[in-house]
Amino acid sequence: MLANEYLNELGKEAAIMAQTTLSATDAKKIINALVPVADDADKKQKEAAFAKRGEMMICMFAPDLANFVGTKWGFINAIADYCDHALPQRMTKGYYERKWGKIMTGHPMLDKAYAMVGEAV
């Protein structure tokens, strides 16, 4: 019962977000906030952050999201794709367990992106 209610509400929200534009400027601001670069970051840290940002931008134009480019729904799905498919900086023993945990309980970066997209006009 609760799952049906959740899916119905998600469907309503998805429909609204699919009809709501998100400017390239706002998308870039959100991506920059999701992957911040500290003023005192060294060259390697800056390069890693810029690479992550670039990967997120690429996800925004993935073929499976072509119908939603420039919308809030497209952006959220692009960030979800990034979160689901980006490789970790270091592959550790517990990587797959942590990844499963994020699938089941929510991914902090995706949750933050969702909140920020809701605030973007």
Protein backbone atom coordinates (compact mmCIF):
# COMPACT_ATOMS: atom_id res chain seq x y z
CA MET A 1 0.00 0.00 0.00
CA LEU A 2 2.69 2.51 0.95
CA ALA A 3 4.74 1.54 -2.08
CA ASN A 4 1.80 2.29 -4.37
CA GLU A 5 1.29 5.69 -2.75
CA TYR A 6 4.99 6.46 -3.04
CA LEU A 7 5.10 5.48 -6.72
CA ASN A 8 1.97 7.50 -7.50
CA GLU A 9 3.45 10.60 -5.87
CA LEU A 10 6.80 10.02 -7.58
CA GLY A 11 5.01 9.75 -10.92
CA LYS A 12 3.25 13.07 -10.32
CA GLU A 13 6.47 14.79 -9.31
CA ALA A 14 8.37 13.27 -12.24
CA ALA A 15 5.74 14.58 -14.67
CA ILE A 16 6.07 18.08 -13.25
CA MET A 17 9.87 17.96 -13.28
CA ALA A 18 9.89 16.66 -16.86
CA GLN A 19 7.95 19.77 -17.88
CA THR A 20 10.11 22.19 -15.86
CA THR A 21 13.25 23.57 -17.44
CA LEU A 22 16.57 23.81 -15.65
CA SER A 23 18.95 26.29 -17.19
CA ALA A 24 22.48 25.27 -18.07
CA THR A 25 23.67 27.92 -15.61
CA ASP A 26 21.64 26.41 -12.76
CA ALA A 27 22.75 22.89 -13.69
CA LYS A 28 26.38 24.00 -13.60
CA LYS A 29 25.89 25.73 -10.23
CA ILE A 30 24.39 22.56 -8.77
CA ILE A 31 27.17 20.38 -10.18
CA ASN A 32 29.78 22.76 -8.75
CA ALA A 33 28.07 22.54 -5.37
CA LEU A 34 27.93 18.75 -5.55
CA VAL A 35 31.65 18.57 -6.33
CA PRO A 36 33.23 21.57 -4.62
CA VAL A 37 36.86 22.52 -5.03
CA ALA A 38 38.53 23.99 -1.95
CA ASP A 39 40.61 27.12 -2.43
CA ASP A 40 43.63 25.30 -1.03
CA ALA A 41 43.12 22.16 -3.15
CA ASP A 42 46.23 20.86 -4.84
CA LYS A 43 46.47 20.25 -8.59
CA LYS A 44 45.52 16.57 -8.33
CA GLN A 45 42.42 17.32 -6.23
CA LYS A 46 41.32 20.04 -8.66
CA GLU A 47 41.80 17.74 -11.65
CA ALA A 48 39.77 14.99 -9.95
CA ALA A 49 36.93 17.40 -9.14
CA PHE A 50 36.88 18.85 -12.65
CA ALA A 51 36.85 15.31 -14.10
CA LYS A 52 33.84 14.38 -11.92
CA ARG A 53 32.04 17.53 -12.98
CA GLY A 54 32.74 16.71 -16.62
CA GLU A 55 31.41 13.18 -16.20
CA MET A 56 28.20 14.60 -14.73
CA MET A 57 27.83 16.96 -17.67
CA ILE A 58 28.29 14.06 -20.08
CA CYS A 59 25.54 12.13 -18.27
CA MET A 60 23.16 15.04 -18.92
CA PHE A 61 23.35 14.33 -22.64
CA ALA A 62 23.15 10.53 -22.52
CA PRO A 63 21.00 9.05 -25.30
CA ASP A 64 18.51 7.54 -22.85
CA LEU A 65 17.78 11.00 -21.44
CA ALA A 66 17.43 12.76 -24.80
CA ASN A 67 13.72 13.47 -24.21
CA PHE A 68 14.51 15.21 -20.93
CA VAL A 69 17.55 17.35 -21.75
CA GLY A 70 17.23 20.75 -20.13
CA THR A 71 14.62 19.65 -17.60
CA LYS A 72 14.82 19.05 -13.89
CA TRP A 73 13.87 15.41 -14.44
CA GLY A 74 16.66 14.96 -16.97
CA PHE A 75 19.16 16.50 -14.58
CA ILE A 76 18.13 14.30 -11.65
CA ASN A 77 18.37 11.21 -13.83
CA ALA A 78 21.79 12.29 -15.10
CA ILE A 79 23.06 12.65 -11.53
CA ALA A 80 21.50 9.28 -10.67
CA ASP A 81 23.32 7.74 -13.64
CA TYR A 82 26.57 9.28 -12.47
CA CYS A 83 26.06 8.07 -8.89
CA ASP A 84 25.13 4.57 -10.05
CA HIS A 85 27.88 4.10 -12.62
CA ALA A 86 30.89 6.22 -11.66
CA LEU A 87 33.85 4.21 -10.54
CA PRO A 88 35.30 4.95 -7.13
CA GLN A 89 38.64 6.68 -6.76
CA ARG A 90 39.85 3.63 -4.87
CA MET A 91 38.38 0.17 -5.20
CA THR A 92 38.20 -1.26 -1.70
CA LYS A 93 36.95 -4.57 -0.34
CA GLY A 94 33.69 -3.07 0.90
CA TYR A 95 32.90 -1.07 -2.25
CA TYR A 96 30.04 -3.26 -3.45
CA GLU A 97 28.46 -3.49 0.00
CA ARG A 98 28.57 0.30 0.39
CA LYS A 99 27.18 0.76 -3.11
CA TRP A 100 24.27 -1.57 -2.32
CA GLY A 101 23.66 0.34 0.90
CA LYS A 102 23.41 3.60 -1.04
CA ILE A 103 20.94 2.02 -3.44
CA MET A 104 18.78 0.88 -0.55
CA THR A 105 19.01 3.94 1.69
CA GLY A 106 19.75 6.79 -0.68
CA HIS A 107 22.85 8.31 -2.15
CA PRO A 108 23.96 11.52 -0.37
CA MET A 109 25.01 13.23 -3.62
CA LEU A 110 21.77 12.34 -5.38
CA ASP A 111 19.73 13.44 -2.37
CA LYS A 112 21.54 16.78 -2.33
CA ALA A 113 21.03 17.24 -6.09
CA TYR A 114 17.32 16.48 -5.71
CA ALA A 115 16.98 19.08 -2.97
CA MET A 116 18.89 21.69 -4.97
CA VAL A 117 16.87 21.06 -8.14
CA GLY A 118 13.72 21.61 -6.12
CA GLU A 119 15.05 25.01 -5.07
CA ALA A 120 16.13 26.06 -8.58
CA VAL A 121 13.63 28.27 -10.34
